[in-house]
């Protein structure tokens, strides 16, 4: 059951990223760009979660640092867009 949740979270993040980036390409509103990039990074983080916990379980390979780093990059991108480009 957990595997299905991981896949659905990744697919939802990918769908959000695609929709936001497509909206940016049409309207050129920069906040859509930053939001789309954030969701793209979160989607990759969710895919790594699936790989880490389902495909390669066990202590020999730990992708938690990569997952957390990608999530931090995504949220930092959105924060940058909210602070500096919200005018």
PDB file of N, CA and C in Angstrom:
ATOM      1  N   UNK A   1       0.818  -1.195   0.000  1.00  0.00           N
ATOM      2  CA  UNK A   1       0.000   0.000   0.000  1.00  0.00           C
ATOM      3  C   UNK A   1       0.865   1.264   0.000  1.00  0.00           C
ATOM      4  N   UNK A   2       1.971   1.227   0.715  1.00  0.00           N
ATOM      5  CA  UNK A   2       2.842   2.397   0.771  1.00  0.00           C
ATOM      6  C   UNK A   2       3.451   2.701  -0.597  1.00  0.00           C
ATOM      7  N   UNK A   3       3.713   1.659  -1.362  1.00  0.00           N
ATOM      8  CA  UNK A   3       4.281   1.856  -2.692  1.00  0.00           C
ATOM      9  C   UNK A   3       3.353   2.670  -3.576  1.00  0.00           C
ATOM     10  N   UNK A   4       2.052   2.390  -3.481  1.00  0.00           N
ATOM     11  CA  UNK A   4       1.063   3.130  -4.273  1.00  0.00           C
ATOM     12  C   UNK A   4       1.034   4.598  -3.871  1.00  0.00           C
ATOM     13  N   UNK A   5       1.179   4.862  -2.592  1.00  0.00           N
ATOM     14  CA  UNK A   5       1.185   6.248  -2.119  1.00  0.00           C
ATOM     15  C   UNK A   5       2.413   6.987  -2.635  1.00  0.00           C
ATOM     16  N   UNK A   6       3.575   6.332  -2.623  1.00  0.00           N
ATOM     17  CA  UNK A   6       4.795   6.949  -3.140  1.00  0.00           C
ATOM     18  C   UNK A   6       4.651   7.291  -4.621  1.00  0.00           C
ATOM     19  N   UNK A   7       4.091   6.364  -5.390  1.00  0.00           N
ATOM     20  CA  UNK A   7       3.921   6.588  -6.823  1.00  0.00           C
ATOM     21  C   UNK A   7       2.912   7.709  -7.071  1.00  0.00           C
ATOM     22  N   UNK A   8       1.812   7.708  -6.335  1.00  0.00           N
ATOM     23  CA  UNK A   8       0.793   8.756  -6.513  1.00  0.00           C
ATOM     24  C   UNK A   8       1.334  10.134  -6.136  1.00  0.00           C
ATOM     25  N   UNK A   9       2.145  10.201  -5.109  1.00  0.00           N
ATOM     26  CA  UNK A   9       2.749  11.486  -4.727  1.00  0.00           C
ATOM     27  C   UNK A   9       3.692  11.986  -5.816  1.00  0.00           C
ATOM     28  N   UNK A  10       4.480  11.093  -6.381  1.00  0.00           N
ATOM     29  CA  UNK A  10       5.391  11.484  -7.459  1.00  0.00           C
ATOM     30  C   UNK A  10       4.614  11.934  -8.686  1.00  0.00           C
ATOM     31  N   UNK A  11       3.571  11.204  -9.052  1.00  0.00           N
ATOM     32  CA  UNK A  11       2.770  11.575 -10.218  1.00  0.00           C
ATOM     33  C   UNK A  11       2.045  12.901 -10.007  1.00  0.00           C
ATOM     34  N   UNK A  12       1.573  13.141  -8.809  1.00  0.00           N
ATOM     35  CA  UNK A  12       0.911  14.406  -8.516  1.00  0.00           C
ATOM     36  C   UNK A  12       1.899  15.568  -8.608  1.00  0.00           C
ATOM     37  N   UNK A  13       3.098  15.375  -8.108  1.00  0.00           N
ATOM     38  CA  UNK A  13       4.119  16.424  -8.200  1.00  0.00           C
ATOM     39  C   UNK A  13       4.507  16.697  -9.645  1.00  0.00           C
ATOM     40  N   UNK A  14       4.625  15.639 -10.442  1.00  0.00           N
ATOM     41  CA  UNK A  14       4.944  15.817 -11.861  1.00  0.00           C
ATOM     42  C   UNK A  14       3.819  16.564 -12.565  1.00  0.00           C
ATOM     43  N   UNK A  15       2.581  16.203 -12.280  1.00  0.00           N
ATOM     44  CA  UNK A  15       1.443  16.881 -12.910  1.00  0.00           C
ATOM     45  C   UNK A  15       1.410  18.360 -12.534  1.00  0.00           C
ATOM     46  N   UNK A  16       1.650  18.669 -11.262  1.00  0.00           N
ATOM     47  CA  UNK A  16       1.678  20.069 -10.832  1.00  0.00           C
ATOM     48  C   UNK A  16       2.801  20.826 -11.530  1.00  0.00           C
ATOM     49  N   UNK A  17       3.975  20.219 -11.619  1.00  0.00           N
ATOM     50  CA  UNK A  17       5.110  20.874 -12.274  1.00  0.00           C
ATOM     51  C   UNK A  17       4.808  21.139 -13.748  1.00  0.00           C
ATOM     52  N   UNK A  18       4.243  20.162 -14.426  1.00  0.00           N
ATOM     53  CA  UNK A  18       3.922  20.337 -15.847  1.00  0.00           C
ATOM     54  C   UNK A  18       2.895  21.452 -16.036  1.00  0.00           C
ATOM     55  N   UNK A  19       1.846  21.442 -15.229  1.00  0.00           N
ATOM     56  CA  UNK A  19       0.813  22.463 -15.366  1.00  0.00           C
ATOM     57  C   UNK A  19       1.341  23.857 -15.050  1.00  0.00           C
ATOM     58  N   UNK A  20       2.158  23.968 -14.022  1.00  0.00           N
ATOM     59  CA  UNK A  20       2.710  25.273 -13.665  1.00  0.00           C
ATOM     60  C   UNK A  20       3.682  25.782 -14.720  1.00  0.00           C
ATOM     61  N   UNK A  21       4.541  24.914 -15.228  1.00  0.00           N
ATOM     62  CA  UNK A  21       5.495  25.343 -16.242  1.00  0.00           C
ATOM     63  C   UNK A  21       4.804  25.643 -17.572  1.00  0.00           C
ATOM     64  N   UNK A  22       3.738  24.914 -17.874  1.00  0.00           N
ATOM     65  CA  UNK A  22       2.962  25.222 -19.072  1.00  0.00           C
ATOM     66  C   UNK A  22       2.260  26.569 -18.929  1.00  0.00           C
ATOM     67  N   UNK A  23       1.753  26.840 -17.730  1.00  0.00           N
ATOM     68  CA  UNK A  23       1.157  28.153 -17.476  1.00  0.00           C
ATOM     69  C   UNK A  23       2.175  29.268 -17.581  1.00  0.00           C
ATOM     70  N   UNK A  24       3.398  28.995 -17.133  1.00  0.00           N
ATOM     71  CA  UNK A  24       4.458  29.997 -17.264  1.00  0.00           C
ATOM     72  C   UNK A  24       4.790  30.262 -18.728  1.00  0.00           C
ATOM     73  N   UNK A  25       4.829  29.216 -19.532  1.00  0.00           N
ATOM     74  CA  UNK A  25       5.176  29.415 -20.945  1.00  0.00           C
ATOM     75  C   UNK A  25       4.116  30.230 -21.675  1.00  0.00           C
ATOM     76  N   UNK A  26       2.892  30.215 -21.187  1.00  0.00           N
ATOM     77  CA  UNK A  26       1.827  30.992 -21.818  1.00  0.00           C
ATOM     78  C   UNK A  26       1.757  32.422 -21.303  1.00  0.00           C
ATOM     79  N   UNK A  27       1.918  32.618 -20.012  1.00  0.00           N
ATOM     80  CA  UNK A  27       1.691  33.945 -19.429  1.00  0.00           C
ATOM     81  C   UNK A  27       2.973  34.683 -19.052  1.00  0.00           C
ATOM     82  N   UNK A  28       4.085  33.979 -18.947  1.00  0.00           N
ATOM     83  CA  UNK A  28       5.376  34.556 -18.541  1.00  0.00           C
ATOM     84  C   UNK A  28       5.331  35.200 -17.153  1.00  0.00           C
ATOM     85  N   UNK A  29       4.477  34.697 -16.281  1.00  0.00           N
ATOM     86  CA  UNK A  29       4.478  35.146 -14.883  1.00  0.00           C
ATOM     87  C   UNK A  29       5.551  34.346 -14.152  1.00  0.00           C
ATOM     88  N   UNK A  30       6.522  35.057 -13.609  1.00  0.00           N
ATOM     89  CA  UNK A  30       7.701  34.391 -13.042  1.00  0.00           C
ATOM     90  C   UNK A  30       7.384  33.540 -11.825  1.00  0.00           C
ATOM     91  N   UNK A  31       6.346  33.884 -11.092  1.00  0.00           N
ATOM     92  CA  UNK A  31       5.988  33.084  -9.930  1.00  0.00           C
ATOM     93  C   UNK A  31       5.578  31.669 -10.341  1.00  0.00           C
ATOM     94  N   UNK A  32       4.977  31.532 -11.517  1.00  0.00           N
ATOM     95  CA  UNK A  32       4.647  30.207 -12.030  1.00  0.00           C
ATOM     96  C   UNK A  32       5.920  29.420 -12.340  1.00  0.00           C
ATOM     97  N   UNK A  33       6.946  30.100 -12.810  1.00  0.00           N
ATOM     98  CA  UNK A  33       8.223  29.436 -13.080  1.00  0.00           C
ATOM     99  C   UNK A  33       8.822  28.886 -11.797  1.00  0.00           C
ATOM    100  N   UNK A  34       8.893  29.729 -10.771  1.00  0.00           N
ATOM    101  CA  UNK A  34       9.499  29.283  -9.508  1.00  0.00           C
ATOM    102  C   UNK A  34       8.685  28.150  -8.883  1.00  0.00           C
ATOM    103  N   UNK A  35       7.368  28.238  -8.969  1.00  0.00           N
ATOM    104  CA  UNK A  35       6.520  27.173  -8.416  1.00  0.00           C
ATOM    105  C   UNK A  35       6.695  25.879  -9.204  1.00  0.00           C
ATOM    106  N   UNK A  36       6.777  25.988 -10.522  1.00  0.00           N
ATOM    107  CA  UNK A  36       6.973  24.802 -11.349  1.00  0.00           C
ATOM    108  C   UNK A  36       8.309  24.132 -11.089  1.00  0.00           C
ATOM    109  N   UNK A  37       9.351  24.932 -10.934  1.00  0.00           N
ATOM    110  CA  UNK A  37      10.668  24.360 -10.620  1.00  0.00           C
ATOM    111  C   UNK A  37      10.676  23.702  -9.249  1.00  0.00           C
ATOM    112  N   UNK A  38       9.959  24.300  -8.305  1.00  0.00           N
ATOM    113  CA  UNK A  38       9.854  23.700  -6.970  1.00  0.00           C
ATOM    114  C   UNK A  38       9.185  22.333  -7.054  1.00  0.00           C
ATOM    115  N   UNK A  39       8.073  22.249  -7.774  1.00  0.00           N
ATOM    116  CA  UNK A  39       7.380  20.975  -7.882  1.00  0.00           C
ATOM    117  C   UNK A  39       8.177  19.957  -8.688  1.00  0.00           C
ATOM    118  N   UNK A  40       8.972  20.406  -9.640  1.00  0.00           N
ATOM    119  CA  UNK A  40       9.836  19.474 -10.381  1.00  0.00           C
ATOM    120  C   UNK A  40      10.869  18.855  -9.440  1.00  0.00           C
ATOM    121  N   UNK A  41      11.472  19.675  -8.582  1.00  0.00           N
ATOM    122  CA  UNK A  41      12.439  19.145  -7.615  1.00  0.00           C
ATOM    123  C   UNK A  41      11.760  18.213  -6.613  1.00  0.00           C
ATOM    124  N   UNK A  42      10.551  18.564  -6.189  1.00  0.00           N
ATOM    125  CA  UNK A  42       9.827  17.693  -5.260  1.00  0.00           C
ATOM    126  C   UNK A  42       9.426  16.383  -5.932  1.00  0.00           C
ATOM    127  N   UNK A  43       9.123  16.424  -7.224  1.00  0.00           N
ATOM    128  CA  UNK A  43       8.793  15.195  -7.953  1.00  0.00           C
ATOM    129  C   UNK A  43      10.000  14.270  -8.008  1.00  0.00           C
ATOM    130  N   UNK A  44      11.166  14.827  -8.292  1.00  0.00           N
ATOM    131  CA  UNK A  44      12.372  14.006  -8.324  1.00  0.00           C
ATOM    132  C   UNK A  44      12.665  13.444  -6.934  1.00  0.00           C
ATOM    133  N   UNK A  45      12.419  14.256  -5.919  1.00  0.00           N
ATOM    134  CA  UNK A  45      12.613  13.785  -4.544  1.00  0.00           C
ATOM    135  C   UNK A  45      11.669  12.628  -4.231  1.00  0.00           C
ATOM    136  N   UNK A  46      10.418  12.724  -4.684  1.00  0.00           N
ATOM    137  CA  UNK A  46       9.460  11.635  -4.461  1.00  0.00           C
ATOM    138  C   UNK A  46       9.846  10.380  -5.234  1.00  0.00           C
ATOM    139  N   UNK A  47      10.397  10.551  -6.431  1.00  0.00           N
ATOM    140  CA  UNK A  47      10.859   9.388  -7.194  1.00  0.00           C
ATOM    141  C   UNK A  47      12.026   8.710  -6.490  1.00  0.00           C
ATOM    142  N   UNK A  48      12.926   9.514  -5.932  1.00  0.00           N
ATOM    143  CA  UNK A  48      14.036   8.943  -5.171  1.00  0.00           C
ATOM    144  C   UNK A  48      13.549   8.235  -3.913  1.00  0.00           C
ATOM    145  N   UNK A  49      12.480   8.732  -3.310  1.00  0.00           N
ATOM    146  CA  UNK A  49      11.893   8.064  -2.153  1.00  0.00           C
ATOM    147  C   UNK A  49      11.424   6.674  -2.536  1.00  0.00           C
ATOM    148  N   UNK A  50      10.750   6.568  -3.682  1.00  0.00           N
ATOM    149  CA  UNK A  50      10.285   5.264  -4.160  1.00  0.00           C
ATOM    150  C   UNK A  50      11.467   4.331  -4.424  1.00  0.00           C
ATOM    151  N   UNK A  51      12.495   4.851  -5.075  1.00  0.00           N
ATOM    152  CA  UNK A  51      13.678   4.035  -5.364  1.00  0.00           C
ATOM    153  C   UNK A  51      14.354   3.598  -4.067  1.00  0.00           C
ATOM    154  N   UNK A  52      14.467   4.522  -3.132  1.00  0.00           N
ATOM    155  CA  UNK A  52      15.180   4.242  -1.879  1.00  0.00           C
ATOM    156  C   UNK A  52      14.448   3.214  -1.019  1.00  0.00           C
ATOM    157  N   UNK A  53      13.147   3.333  -0.901  1.00  0.00           N
ATOM    158  CA  UNK A  53      12.420   2.480   0.036  1.00  0.00           C
ATOM    159  C   UNK A  53      11.808   1.235  -0.592  1.00  0.00           C
ATOM    160  N   UNK A  54      11.576   1.243  -1.907  1.00  0.00           N
ATOM    161  CA  UNK A  54      10.905   0.102  -2.529  1.00  0.00           C
ATOM    162  C   UNK A  54      11.848  -0.704  -3.417  1.00  0.00           C
ATOM    163  N   UNK A  55      12.540  -0.042  -4.318  1.00  0.00           N
ATOM    164  CA  UNK A  55      13.372  -0.767  -5.279  1.00  0.00           C
ATOM    165  C   UNK A  55      14.672  -1.249  -4.651  1.00  0.00           C
ATOM    166  N   UNK A  56      15.326  -0.390  -3.863  1.00  0.00           N
ATOM    167  CA  UNK A  56      16.604  -0.741  -3.240  1.00  0.00           C
ATOM    168  C   UNK A  56      16.465  -0.627  -1.725  1.00  0.00           C
ATOM    169  N   UNK A  57      15.671  -1.506  -1.097  1.00  0.00           N
ATOM    170  CA  UNK A  57      15.554  -1.407   0.361  1.00  0.00           C
ATOM    171  C   UNK A  57      16.804  -1.936   1.050  1.00  0.00           C
ATOM    172  N   UNK A  58      17.024  -1.444   2.208  1.00  0.00           N
ATOM    173  CA  UNK A  58      18.158  -1.938   2.982  1.00  0.00           C
ATOM    174  C   UNK A  58      19.150  -0.840   3.303  1.00  0.00           C
ATOM    175  N   UNK A  59      20.037  -1.129   4.222  1.00  0.00           N
ATOM    176  CA  UNK A  59      20.985  -0.111   4.680  1.00  0.00           C
ATOM    177  C   UNK A  59      22.192   0.096   3.770  1.00  0.00           C
ATOM    178  N   UNK A  60      22.379  -0.757   2.743  1.00  0.00           N
ATOM    179  CA  UNK A  60      23.594  -0.621   1.938  1.00  0.00           C
ATOM    180  C   UNK A  60      23.594   0.634   1.073  1.00  0.00           C
ATOM    181  N   UNK A  61      22.433   1.075   0.617  1.00  0.00           N
ATOM    182  CA  UNK A  61      22.333   2.312  -0.168  1.00  0.00           C
ATOM    183  C   UNK A  61      21.305   3.209   0.510  1.00  0.00           C
ATOM    184  N   UNK A  62      21.737   4.400   0.883  1.00  0.00           N
ATOM    185  CA  UNK A  62      20.858   5.346   1.569  1.00  0.00           C
ATOM    186  C   UNK A  62      20.775   6.622   0.740  1.00  0.00           C
ATOM    187  N   UNK A  63      19.599   6.901   0.210  1.00  0.00           N
ATOM    188  CA  UNK A  63      19.398   8.078  -0.620  1.00  0.00           C
ATOM    189  C   UNK A  63      18.715   9.216   0.138  1.00  0.00           C
ATOM    190  N   UNK A  64      18.664   9.127   1.447  1.00  0.00           N
ATOM    191  CA  UNK A  64      17.940  10.139   2.217  1.00  0.00           C
ATOM    192  C   UNK A  64      18.590  11.517   2.112  1.00  0.00           C
ATOM    193  N   UNK A  65      19.897  11.573   2.000  1.00  0.00           N
ATOM    194  CA  UNK A  65      20.571  12.870   1.863  1.00  0.00           C
ATOM    195  C   UNK A  65      20.209  13.500   0.523  1.00  0.00           C
ATOM    196  N   UNK A  66      20.186  12.701  -0.541  1.00  0.00           N
ATOM    197  CA  UNK A  66      19.826  13.215  -1.864  1.00  0.00           C
ATOM    198  C   UNK A  66      18.368  13.672  -1.886  1.00  0.00           C
ATOM    199  N   UNK A  67      17.484  12.881  -1.272  1.00  0.00           N
ATOM    200  CA  UNK A  67      16.064  13.251  -1.216  1.00  0.00           C
ATOM    201  C   UNK A  67      15.873  14.565  -0.485  1.00  0.00           C
ATOM    202  N   UNK A  68      16.498  14.682   0.654  1.00  0.00           N
ATOM    203  CA  UNK A  68      16.363  15.899   1.450  1.00  0.00           C
ATOM    204  C   UNK A  68      16.983  17.100   0.748  1.00  0.00           C
ATOM    205  N   UNK A  69      18.100  16.887   0.076  1.00  0.00           N
ATOM    206  CA  UNK A  69      18.749  17.983  -0.653  1.00  0.00           C
ATOM    207  C   UNK A  69      17.868  18.490  -1.787  1.00  0.00           C
ATOM    208  N   UNK A  70      17.260  17.574  -2.517  1.00  0.00           N
ATOM    209  CA  UNK A  70      16.368  17.993  -3.603  1.00  0.00           C
ATOM    210  C   UNK A  70      15.137  18.727  -3.076  1.00  0.00           C
ATOM    211  N   UNK A  71      14.591  18.255  -1.976  1.00  0.00           N
ATOM    212  CA  UNK A  71      13.451  18.947  -1.381  1.00  0.00           C
ATOM    213  C   UNK A  71      13.856  20.344  -0.909  1.00  0.00           C
ATOM    214  N   UNK A  72      15.040  20.469  -0.334  1.00  0.00           N
ATOM    215  CA  UNK A  72      15.533  21.775   0.110  1.00  0.00           C
ATOM    216  C   UNK A  72      15.749  22.707  -1.076  1.00  0.00           C
ATOM    217  N   UNK A  73      16.295  22.192  -2.156  1.00  0.00           N
ATOM    218  CA  UNK A  73      16.496  23.007  -3.357  1.00  0.00           C
ATOM    219  C   UNK A  73      15.154  23.476  -3.905  1.00  0.00           C
ATOM    220  N   UNK A  74      14.180  22.590  -3.938  1.00  0.00           N
ATOM    221  CA  UNK A  74      12.858  22.957  -4.442  1.00  0.00           C
ATOM    222  C   UNK A  74      12.187  24.025  -3.605  1.00  0.00           C
ATOM    223  N   UNK A  75      12.184  23.855  -2.309  1.00  0.00           N
ATOM    224  CA  UNK A  75      11.556  24.831  -1.425  1.00  0.00           C
ATOM    225  C   UNK A  75      12.334  26.145  -1.444  1.00  0.00           C
ATOM    226  N   UNK A  76      13.655  26.074  -1.532  1.00  0.00           N
ATOM    227  CA  UNK A  76      14.457  27.300  -1.621  1.00  0.00           C
ATOM    228  C   UNK A  76      14.166  28.067  -2.906  1.00  0.00           C
ATOM    229  N   UNK A  77      13.955  27.344  -4.000  1.00  0.00           N
ATOM    230  CA  UNK A  77      13.601  27.983  -5.259  1.00  0.00           C
ATOM    231  C   UNK A  77      12.275  28.719  -5.143  1.00  0.00           C
ATOM    232  N   UNK A  78      11.305  28.073  -4.544  1.00  0.00           N
ATOM    233  CA  UNK A  78      10.007  28.719  -4.356  1.00  0.00           C
ATOM    234  C   UNK A  78      10.124  29.914  -3.414  1.00  0.00           C
ATOM    235  N   UNK A  79      10.888  29.787  -2.362  1.00  0.00           N
ATOM    236  CA  UNK A  79      11.083  30.888  -1.431  1.00  0.00           C
ATOM    237  C   UNK A  79      11.750  32.073  -2.108  1.00  0.00           C
ATOM    238  N   UNK A  80      12.757  31.807  -2.937  1.00  0.00           N
ATOM    239  CA  UNK A  80      13.408  32.873  -3.698  1.00  0.00           C
ATOM    240  C   UNK A  80      12.387  33.602  -4.572  1.00  0.00           C
ATOM    241  N   UNK A  81      11.573  32.835  -5.273  1.00  0.00           N
ATOM    242  CA  UNK A  81      10.564  33.436  -6.134  1.00  0.00           C
ATOM    243  C   UNK A  81       9.545  34.238  -5.351  1.00  0.00           C
ATOM    244  N   UNK A  82       9.161  33.770  -4.203  1.00  0.00           N
ATOM    245  CA  UNK A  82       8.174  34.490  -3.392  1.00  0.00           C
ATOM    246  C   UNK A  82       8.738  35.797  -2.839  1.00  0.00           C
ATOM    247  N   UNK A  83      10.002  35.777  -2.460  1.00  0.00           N
ATOM    248  CA  UNK A  83      10.591  36.970  -1.839  1.00  0.00           C
ATOM    249  C   UNK A  83      10.990  38.006  -2.864  1.00  0.00           C
ATOM    250  N   UNK A  84      11.740  37.622  -3.887  1.00  0.00           N
ATOM    251  CA  UNK A  84      12.321  38.607  -4.792  1.00  0.00           C
ATOM    252  C   UNK A  84      11.492  38.908  -6.036  1.00  0.00           C
ATOM    253  N   UNK A  85      10.611  38.011  -6.424  1.00  0.00           N
ATOM    254  CA  UNK A  85       9.851  38.249  -7.655  1.00  0.00           C
ATOM    255  C   UNK A  85       8.368  38.429  -7.401  1.00  0.00           C
ATOM    256  N   UNK A  86       7.961  38.731  -6.212  1.00  0.00           N
ATOM    257  CA  UNK A  86       6.527  38.855  -5.919  1.00  0.00           C
ATOM    258  C   UNK A  86       6.002  40.256  -6.164  1.00  0.00           C
ATOM    259  N   UNK A  87       6.861  41.175  -6.602  1.00  0.00           N
ATOM    260  CA  UNK A  87       6.422  42.535  -6.817  1.00  0.00           C
ATOM    261  C   UNK A  87       5.744  42.589  -8.111  1.00  0.00           C
TER     262      UNK A  87
END
